[in-house]
C-alpha cells in the first residue's frame, strides 16, 4: 500500500517512478504485477477529442460609466450574461450570428492565442449601471478572470456510431455514410483516464489534472454521470458511464492542446486535451492499469434510428484495426479523437511530474453513485 503523501514526497525528492499508460502496460506484459508494483509510483493517462459540453467564464471588469451586460456578443458569438454585471459564459458550440463556421470554441482559442476579440454588450440601464451599450476590443491579458469550465468531459466508454439508412448523416460523431459504409468512435481507449481507473479509486472531486496545458481540477461529477451501470469482469462499464466536470485557467493554457473544430453539417465543437495521473496505491489499481484495447468493449449504435439500437458489441482492438465485420460486410472504422495527441499529453504530464511542476491531489470526495434520467415524454 502507498499513500498520496508518500508519492508526493517521492516526487518532491526526485525519487518517483512515473510511467505513461502505454509504458506501464508494456512492462506488465513482461513482468509480474508484484514486481511492477515495487517499481512504479504514478501512471499518466490522457485523451484528446471533441468535448462539446465545454465553455469559459470571462470577467471583463467594469467600464466607466458601468454597464450591466444583459446581451453580450464576442466576435459576433453570443455568450450568456444573466449571472452578473460583467461576467459571461461562452459555450464552445454557440455559433456566430454571421458565420456558422465560427463559434464559441474559436473565441476561446483566439483568446488563448493572444488575439484581440471584439466585445459588444447592451443592457437596459439602471441607477447603479446607467450605461446601455459598450463596444471594446480586448485580449486575454486584459481580462480579470478567464477560466475554462466544462460540465461534461472525458466520457467513460462512449459508444461507436454507424448509419444503416440510405441517407448520409451529419452528427457530433462525424459524418456517417449511408448503408453502413463507416463506423466512427471517439476515445483514446487503453490510455483513456476513466478506463484505467474504472471504479474511481483514485479519481474524484478535487483531483488535479492536466487541462489543455494548464493544471486544472475535477470539480464535480460531470453531467449525465452514470456510474450505476452493469460492468464486465474487468469492472469496465458496458455502456457510457462516468463524466467529469473540470475547471482550469485559460491564461495558463497551451494552444497545442486545445483546438476548435467544425463538424460538417452539425456545428462547432472543441478538441480538448486532458491528462490525469493515477497513483499506484495498491495492486488492484495496477491490475486496472494493465487493461488493453482487446479487453475494452463498446457498442456500435445505429444513429439512423430514433432509439439508436445496438448493432454489434466490439472491442477497441477491432475498432483500431480499421475495419469491423457486420453481417458479412467489412466496414471501415475511424476515430475522431487523436491517439497521437493523447500519447503526447501522457508524456507531457509525466515530464511535469518528474520536473516537480505537478503534484497529485487526493480527492476531497468520491463520486456519487448515480443513474442518468431521461426527459419525460
Protein backbone atom coordinates (compact mmCIF):
# COMPACT_ATOMS: atom_id res chain seq x y z
CA UNK A 1 0.00 0.00 0.00
CA UNK A 2 1.07 3.57 -0.73
CA UNK A 3 -0.49 6.93 0.08
CA UNK A 4 -0.79 10.16 -1.88
CA UNK A 5 1.52 11.87 0.62
CA UNK A 6 4.20 9.21 0.22
CA UNK A 7 4.13 9.53 -3.55
CA UNK A 8 4.18 13.35 -3.42
CA UNK A 9 7.22 13.19 -1.12
CA UNK A 10 8.96 10.95 -3.64
CA UNK A 11 8.10 13.47 -6.40
CA UNK A 12 9.48 16.30 -4.24
CA UNK A 13 12.70 14.37 -3.60
CA UNK A 14 13.12 13.34 -7.23
CA UNK A 15 12.60 9.66 -6.39
CA UNK A 16 9.21 8.94 -8.00
CA UNK A 17 8.99 6.48 -10.87
CA UNK A 18 6.45 7.78 -13.39
CA UNK A 19 5.38 5.85 -16.49
CA UNK A 20 2.87 6.62 -19.21
CA UNK A 21 -0.12 4.29 -19.59
CA UNK A 22 1.49 2.60 -22.61
CA UNK A 23 4.80 2.14 -20.80
CA UNK A 24 3.22 0.50 -17.75
CA UNK A 25 1.06 -1.83 -19.86
CA UNK A 26 4.09 -2.97 -21.83
CA UNK A 27 6.01 -3.51 -18.58
CA UNK A 28 3.18 -5.55 -17.05
CA UNK A 29 3.27 -7.86 -20.09
CA UNK A 30 6.92 -8.61 -19.30
CA UNK A 31 6.91 -8.68 -15.51
CA UNK A 32 4.53 -9.71 -12.72
CA UNK A 33 2.13 -7.32 -11.03
CA UNK A 34 4.14 -7.72 -7.81
CA UNK A 35 7.41 -6.64 -9.45
CA UNK A 36 5.84 -3.74 -11.31
CA UNK A 37 4.13 -2.54 -8.12
CA UNK A 38 7.51 -2.35 -6.39
CA UNK A 39 8.85 -0.13 -9.19
CA UNK A 40 6.08 2.24 -10.30
CA UNK A 41 4.52 5.12 -8.34
CA UNK A 42 2.45 7.05 -10.91
CA UNK A 43 0.93 6.32 -14.32
CA UNK A 44 -0.20 9.09 -16.68
CA UNK A 45 -3.36 8.70 -18.77
CA UNK A 46 -4.89 11.07 -21.31
CA UNK A 47 -7.43 11.78 -24.01
CA UNK A 48 -7.75 14.37 -26.78
CA UNK A 49 -11.07 14.61 -28.56
CA UNK A 50 -14.13 16.76 -29.24
CA UNK A 51 -15.87 17.74 -26.00
CA UNK A 52 -18.98 19.73 -26.86
CA UNK A 53 -20.07 20.30 -23.26
CA UNK A 54 -17.41 22.92 -22.58
CA UNK A 55 -17.06 26.68 -22.28
CA UNK A 56 -15.40 29.55 -20.47
CA UNK A 57 -16.33 32.07 -17.80
CA UNK A 58 -14.94 35.54 -18.54
CA UNK A 59 -14.87 38.72 -16.47
CA UNK A 60 -14.26 41.95 -18.37
CA UNK A 61 -14.01 44.42 -15.49
CA UNK A 62 -16.22 47.49 -15.08
CA UNK A 63 -16.43 50.34 -17.56
CA UNK A 64 -16.91 53.98 -16.64
CA UNK A 65 -19.83 54.62 -16.52
CA UNK A 66 -20.64 50.99 -15.66
CA UNK A 67 -22.97 48.65 -17.54
CA UNK A 68 -24.83 45.51 -16.57
CA UNK A 69 -24.32 43.30 -19.62
CA UNK A 70 -27.58 41.56 -20.49
CA UNK A 71 -26.89 40.74 -24.14
CA UNK A 72 -23.23 40.04 -24.92
CA UNK A 73 -21.53 39.09 -28.16
CA UNK A 74 -17.85 38.23 -28.56
CA UNK A 75 -16.72 38.27 -32.20
CA UNK A 76 -20.44 38.04 -33.03
CA UNK A 77 -20.87 34.90 -30.88
CA UNK A 78 -23.49 35.27 -28.18
CA UNK A 79 -22.48 34.44 -24.62
CA UNK A 80 -24.70 34.08 -21.56
CA UNK A 81 -24.63 37.14 -19.28
CA UNK A 82 -27.51 36.51 -16.91
CA UNK A 83 -25.15 35.98 -13.98
CA UNK A 84 -23.63 39.36 -13.06
CA UNK A 85 -22.77 42.79 -14.42
CA UNK A 86 -19.62 41.99 -16.39
CA UNK A 87 -19.39 38.19 -16.12
CA UNK A 88 -20.31 35.98 -19.05
CA UNK A 89 -20.17 32.31 -20.04
CA UNK A 90 -19.40 31.39 -23.63
CA UNK A 91 -20.16 27.83 -24.74
CA UNK A 92 -17.98 26.18 -27.35
CA UNK A 93 -20.90 25.10 -29.56
CA UNK A 94 -22.54 28.55 -29.80
CA UNK A 95 -22.31 29.74 -33.41
CA UNK A 96 -21.59 33.22 -34.70
CA UNK A 97 -24.66 35.14 -35.86
CA UNK A 98 -22.85 35.99 -39.12
CA UNK A 99 -20.65 32.93 -39.79
CA UNK A 100 -21.68 29.37 -38.94
CA UNK A 101 -18.08 28.21 -39.34
CA UNK A 102 -17.05 30.26 -36.32
CA UNK A 103 -18.25 29.83 -32.75
CA UNK A 104 -17.52 29.87 -29.06
CA UNK A 105 -14.69 27.36 -29.46
CA UNK A 106 -12.95 29.75 -31.87
CA UNK A 107 -13.38 32.69 -29.47
CA UNK A 108 -11.76 30.71 -26.65
CA UNK A 109 -8.94 29.59 -28.96
CA UNK A 110 -8.36 33.12 -30.23
CA UNK A 111 -8.06 34.36 -26.65
CA UNK A 112 -5.53 31.62 -25.79
CA UNK A 113 -3.57 32.57 -28.91
CA UNK A 114 -3.32 36.16 -27.68
CA UNK A 115 -5.61 37.64 -30.34
CA UNK A 116 -7.94 40.57 -29.81
CA UNK A 117 -11.65 39.83 -29.69
CA UNK A 118 -14.47 42.34 -30.04
CA UNK A 119 -16.97 42.65 -27.20
CA UNK A 120 -20.40 44.19 -27.91
CA UNK A 121 -22.81 44.31 -24.98
CA UNK A 122 -26.07 46.01 -24.12
CA UNK A 123 -28.33 46.40 -21.11
CA UNK A 124 -31.50 48.27 -20.22
CA UNK A 125 -29.67 50.65 -17.86
CA UNK A 126 -30.28 51.01 -14.14
CA UNK A 127 -29.48 53.56 -11.44
CA UNK A 128 -26.32 51.65 -10.48
CA UNK A 129 -25.48 50.56 -14.04
CA UNK A 130 -26.61 53.51 -16.21
CA UNK A 131 -24.71 52.58 -19.38
CA UNK A 132 -26.78 50.81 -22.06
CA UNK A 133 -24.18 49.90 -24.68
CA UNK A 134 -20.48 49.15 -24.93
CA UNK A 135 -18.10 48.07 -27.68
CA UNK A 136 -14.48 47.20 -26.95
CA UNK A 137 -11.57 45.12 -28.24
CA UNK A 138 -9.82 43.04 -25.60
CA UNK A 139 -7.14 40.37 -25.25
CA UNK A 140 -6.95 37.56 -22.70
CA UNK A 141 -4.39 39.59 -20.74
CA UNK A 142 -6.97 42.41 -20.38
CA UNK A 143 -9.48 40.19 -18.58
CA UNK A 144 -9.63 39.85 -14.81
CA UNK A 145 -10.53 36.17 -14.84
CA UNK A 146 -10.89 33.71 -17.70
CA UNK A 147 -11.28 30.05 -16.96
CA UNK A 148 -12.47 27.01 -18.81
CA UNK A 149 -15.40 25.39 -17.02
CA UNK A 150 -16.58 22.23 -18.75
CA UNK A 151 -19.70 20.47 -17.42
CA UNK A 152 -19.14 17.15 -19.24
CA UNK A 153 -15.74 15.89 -20.40
CA UNK A 154 -13.78 12.59 -20.55
CA UNK A 155 -16.68 10.22 -21.20
CA UNK A 156 -16.05 6.73 -19.86
CA UNK A 157 -16.54 4.15 -22.62
CA UNK A 158 -18.64 6.04 -25.16
CA UNK A 159 -20.48 4.25 -27.96
CA UNK A 160 -19.35 3.89 -31.58
CA UNK A 161 -21.69 5.04 -34.37
CA UNK A 162 -23.00 3.62 -37.64
CA UNK A 163 -25.75 4.60 -40.09
CA UNK A 164 -27.82 1.82 -41.68
CA UNK A 165 -30.17 4.17 -43.56
CA UNK A 166 -29.85 5.17 -47.21
CA UNK A 167 -29.18 8.81 -46.31
CA UNK A 168 -25.86 10.33 -45.14
CA UNK A 169 -25.96 11.70 -41.58
CA UNK A 170 -24.02 14.64 -40.13
CA UNK A 171 -23.57 14.09 -36.40
CA UNK A 172 -21.40 15.02 -33.42
CA UNK A 173 -19.68 11.70 -34.15
CA UNK A 174 -18.70 13.00 -37.57
CA UNK A 175 -20.18 12.09 -40.95
CA UNK A 176 -21.87 8.69 -41.01
CA UNK A 177 -22.21 7.49 -44.57
CA UNK A 178 -25.32 5.71 -45.78
CA UNK A 179 -25.78 1.93 -45.95
CA UNK A 180 -23.31 1.15 -43.14
CA UNK A 181 -20.30 2.43 -45.05
CA UNK A 182 -18.34 3.54 -41.97
CA UNK A 183 -18.13 3.34 -38.18
CA UNK A 184 -16.85 6.25 -36.08
CA UNK A 185 -15.68 6.07 -32.50
CA UNK A 186 -14.20 8.62 -30.09
CA UNK A 187 -11.74 7.57 -27.40
CA UNK A 188 -8.08 7.03 -26.66
CA UNK A 189 -9.03 3.53 -25.49
CA UNK A 190 -6.48 1.82 -23.29
CA UNK A 191 -4.82 5.10 -22.26
CA UNK A 192 -8.09 6.94 -21.52
CA UNK A 193 -8.26 8.08 -17.86
CA UNK A 194 -11.55 6.59 -16.67
CA UNK A 195 -10.91 3.27 -18.40
CA UNK A 196 -7.72 2.91 -16.33
CA UNK A 197 -9.47 3.71 -13.05
CA UNK A 198 -12.86 2.17 -13.86
CA UNK A 199 -14.24 2.23 -10.31
CA UNK A 200 -12.77 5.65 -9.42
CA UNK A 201 -10.38 4.53 -6.69
CA UNK A 202 -8.03 7.48 -7.28
CA UNK A 203 -10.02 9.89 -9.49
CA UNK A 204 -12.62 12.04 -7.73
CA UNK A 205 -13.65 15.56 -6.87
CA UNK A 206 -10.54 17.61 -6.18
CA UNK A 207 -8.22 15.56 -8.40
CA UNK A 208 -5.61 17.74 -10.13
CA UNK A 209 -5.47 17.23 -13.89
CA UNK A 210 -3.66 18.42 -16.99
CA UNK A 211 -6.23 20.57 -18.79
CA UNK A 212 -5.15 21.91 -22.18
CA UNK A 213 -1.66 22.61 -20.85
CA UNK A 214 -2.78 24.14 -17.54
CA UNK A 215 -3.10 22.48 -14.16
CA UNK A 216 -6.83 22.08 -13.74
CA UNK A 217 -9.13 20.26 -11.37
CA UNK A 218 -12.13 17.94 -11.32
CA UNK A 219 -14.83 19.91 -9.52
CA UNK A 220 -17.89 17.66 -9.73
CA UNK A 221 -19.41 14.63 -11.37
CA UNK A 222 -19.94 15.60 -14.98
CA UNK A 223 -23.44 15.99 -16.33
CA UNK A 224 -25.08 12.70 -17.36
CA UNK A 225 -22.75 10.91 -14.91
CA UNK A 226 -23.92 7.30 -14.87
CA UNK A 227 -21.96 5.07 -12.52
CA UNK A 228 -24.92 2.87 -11.57
CA UNK A 229 -24.39 0.61 -14.57
CA UNK A 230 -23.59 -3.01 -15.37
CA UNK A 231 -19.89 -3.83 -15.51
CA UNK A 232 -17.87 -6.64 -17.07
CA UNK A 233 -15.25 -8.91 -15.49
CA UNK A 234 -12.67 -6.09 -15.73
CA UNK A 235 -15.00 -3.72 -13.83
CA UNK A 236 -15.47 -1.69 -17.01
CA UNK A 237 -18.95 -0.27 -17.71
CA UNK A 238 -20.76 -1.90 -20.62
CA UNK A 239 -22.12 1.48 -21.81
CA UNK A 240 -21.30 5.20 -21.35
CA UNK A 241 -20.81 5.83 -17.65
CA UNK A 242 -18.85 8.48 -15.75
CA UNK A 243 -18.12 12.01 -16.98
CA UNK A 244 -16.13 14.82 -15.39
CA UNK A 245 -16.82 18.50 -14.71
CA UNK A 246 -13.47 20.28 -14.89
CA UNK A 247 -12.01 23.75 -14.46
CA UNK A 248 -8.72 25.43 -15.43
CA UNK A 249 -7.20 28.87 -16.02
CA UNK A 250 -7.37 29.94 -19.67
CA UNK A 251 -4.31 32.13 -19.16
CA UNK A 252 -2.14 29.06 -18.47
CA UNK A 253 -3.35 27.01 -21.44
CA UNK A 254 -1.36 25.97 -24.48
CA UNK A 255 -2.94 26.18 -27.95
CA UNK A 256 -1.28 22.86 -28.81
CA UNK A 257 -3.69 21.01 -26.53
CA UNK A 258 -6.96 22.74 -27.39
CA UNK A 259 -8.43 23.26 -30.87
CA UNK A 260 -11.76 24.48 -32.28
CA UNK A 261 -13.48 22.08 -34.64
CA UNK A 262 -16.13 22.35 -37.33
CA UNK A 263 -18.19 19.18 -37.65
CA UNK A 264 -19.68 19.49 -41.11
CA UNK A 265 -23.45 19.62 -41.11
CA UNK A 266 -23.58 19.51 -37.30
CA UNK A 267 -21.84 22.58 -35.90
CA UNK A 268 -18.98 23.72 -33.72
CA UNK A 269 -17.10 21.71 -31.13
CA UNK A 270 -13.72 21.82 -29.44
CA UNK A 271 -10.91 19.29 -29.13
CA UNK A 272 -9.61 19.39 -25.57
CA UNK A 273 -6.61 17.58 -24.16
CA UNK A 274 -6.96 16.17 -20.67
CA UNK A 275 -4.39 14.15 -18.76
CA UNK A 276 -4.93 12.50 -15.38
CA UNK A 277 -2.20 10.91 -13.24
CA UNK A 278 -3.13 7.69 -11.48
CA UNK A 279 -1.16 6.94 -8.31
CA UNK A 280 -0.32 3.26 -7.92
CA UNK A 281 -1.62 2.98 -4.37
CA UNK A 282 -2.20 -0.78 -4.42
CA UNK A 283 -2.05 -3.80 -6.70
CA UNK A 284 -5.76 -3.65 -7.58
CA UNK A 285 -5.17 -0.25 -9.18
CA UNK A 286 -2.21 -1.67 -11.09
CA UNK A 287 -4.38 -4.54 -12.37
CA UNK A 288 -6.84 -2.00 -13.75
CA UNK A 289 -3.92 -0.16 -15.39
CA UNK A 290 -3.00 -3.40 -17.20
CA UNK A 291 -6.15 -3.16 -19.36
CA UNK A 292 -5.56 -3.35 -23.13
CA UNK A 293 -7.74 -2.42 -26.10
CA UNK A 294 -8.67 -6.07 -26.60
CA UNK A 295 -10.25 -6.06 -23.12
CA UNK A 296 -12.34 -2.88 -23.61
CA UNK A 297 -15.71 -3.40 -25.30
CA UNK A 298 -18.20 -0.85 -26.57
CA UNK A 299 -21.47 -0.87 -28.51
CA UNK A 300 -21.91 0.16 -32.13
CA UNK A 301 -25.20 2.09 -32.23
CA UNK A 302 -27.32 2.83 -35.29
CA UNK A 303 -27.65 6.62 -35.38
CA UNK A 304 -30.26 6.48 -38.14
CA UNK A 305 -32.85 5.07 -35.72
CA UNK A 306 -34.58 7.16 -33.06
CA UNK A 307 -33.72 4.79 -30.21
CA UNK A 308 -30.20 4.07 -31.54
CA UNK A 309 -30.30 0.26 -31.28
CA UNK A 310 -27.09 -1.72 -30.75
CA UNK A 311 -25.82 -3.30 -33.98
CA UNK A 312 -22.80 -5.09 -32.54
CA UNK A 313 -20.55 -5.19 -29.49
CA UNK A 314 -16.84 -4.94 -30.29
CA UNK A 315 -13.53 -4.25 -28.57
CA UNK A 316 -11.12 -1.42 -29.31
CA UNK A 317 -8.58 -3.71 -30.94
CA UNK A 318 -11.23 -4.37 -33.58
CA UNK A 319 -12.14 -0.68 -33.94
CA UNK A 320 -8.49 0.41 -34.11
CA UNK A 321 -7.72 -2.24 -36.74
CA UNK A 322 -9.53 -0.05 -39.27
CA UNK A 323 -12.33 -2.49 -40.05
CA UNK A 324 -15.15 -4.42 -38.43
CA UNK A 325 -17.23 -7.19 -39.95
CA UNK A 326 -21.02 -6.92 -39.55
CA UNK A 327 -23.34 -9.46 -41.19
CA UNK A 328 -20.64 -10.49 -43.65
CA UNK A 329 -19.76 -6.92 -44.65
CA UNK A 330 -16.34 -5.39 -43.90
CA UNK A 331 -16.89 -1.82 -42.67
CA UNK A 332 -14.23 0.87 -42.35
CA UNK A 333 -13.67 2.27 -38.84
CA UNK A 334 -12.06 5.55 -37.79
CA UNK A 335 -11.53 7.55 -34.61
CA UNK A 336 -12.48 11.21 -34.34
CA UNK A 337 -10.19 11.60 -31.32
CA UNK A 338 -6.40 11.80 -31.65
CA UNK A 339 -4.36 8.95 -30.21
CA UNK A 340 -1.17 10.81 -31.16
CA UNK A 341 -2.14 13.86 -29.11
CA UNK A 342 -3.35 11.69 -26.22
CA UNK A 343 0.01 9.89 -26.06
CA UNK A 344 1.79 13.24 -26.25
CA UNK A 345 -0.20 14.50 -23.26
CA UNK A 346 0.74 11.37 -21.28
CA UNK A 347 4.40 12.15 -21.95
CA UNK A 348 3.99 15.86 -21.17
CA UNK A 349 2.26 15.14 -17.85
CA UNK A 350 4.95 12.60 -16.98
CA UNK A 351 7.60 15.27 -17.59
CA UNK A 352 5.74 17.80 -15.45
CA UNK A 353 5.63 15.35 -12.53
CA UNK A 354 9.30 14.41 -12.87
CA UNK A 355 10.20 18.11 -13.04
CA UNK A 356 8.25 18.73 -9.79
CA UNK A 357 5.80 21.00 -11.61
CA UNK A 358 2.78 18.81 -10.89
CA UNK A 359 1.80 17.00 -7.70
CA UNK A 360 -1.01 14.56 -7.01
CA UNK A 361 -4.09 15.52 -5.01
CA UNK A 362 -6.22 13.14 -3.03
CA UNK A 363 -9.93 13.57 -3.88
CA UNK A 364 -11.86 15.52 -1.28
CA UNK A 365 -14.92 13.41 -2.13
CA UNK A 366 -15.61 10.23 -4.04
CA UNK A 367 -18.08 10.38 -6.89
CA UNK A 368 -21.72 9.76 -6.07
CA UNK A 369 -23.30 6.58 -7.40
CA UNK A 370 -25.90 8.00 -9.79
CA UNK A 371 -28.01 6.88 -12.73
CA UNK A 372 -28.91 9.01 -15.75
CA UNK A 373 -32.55 10.10 -16.07
CA UNK A 374 -34.27 10.87 -19.35
CA UNK A 375 -36.66 13.71 -20.07
CA UNK A 376 -40.26 12.56 -19.77
CA UNK A 377 -42.34 12.48 -22.94
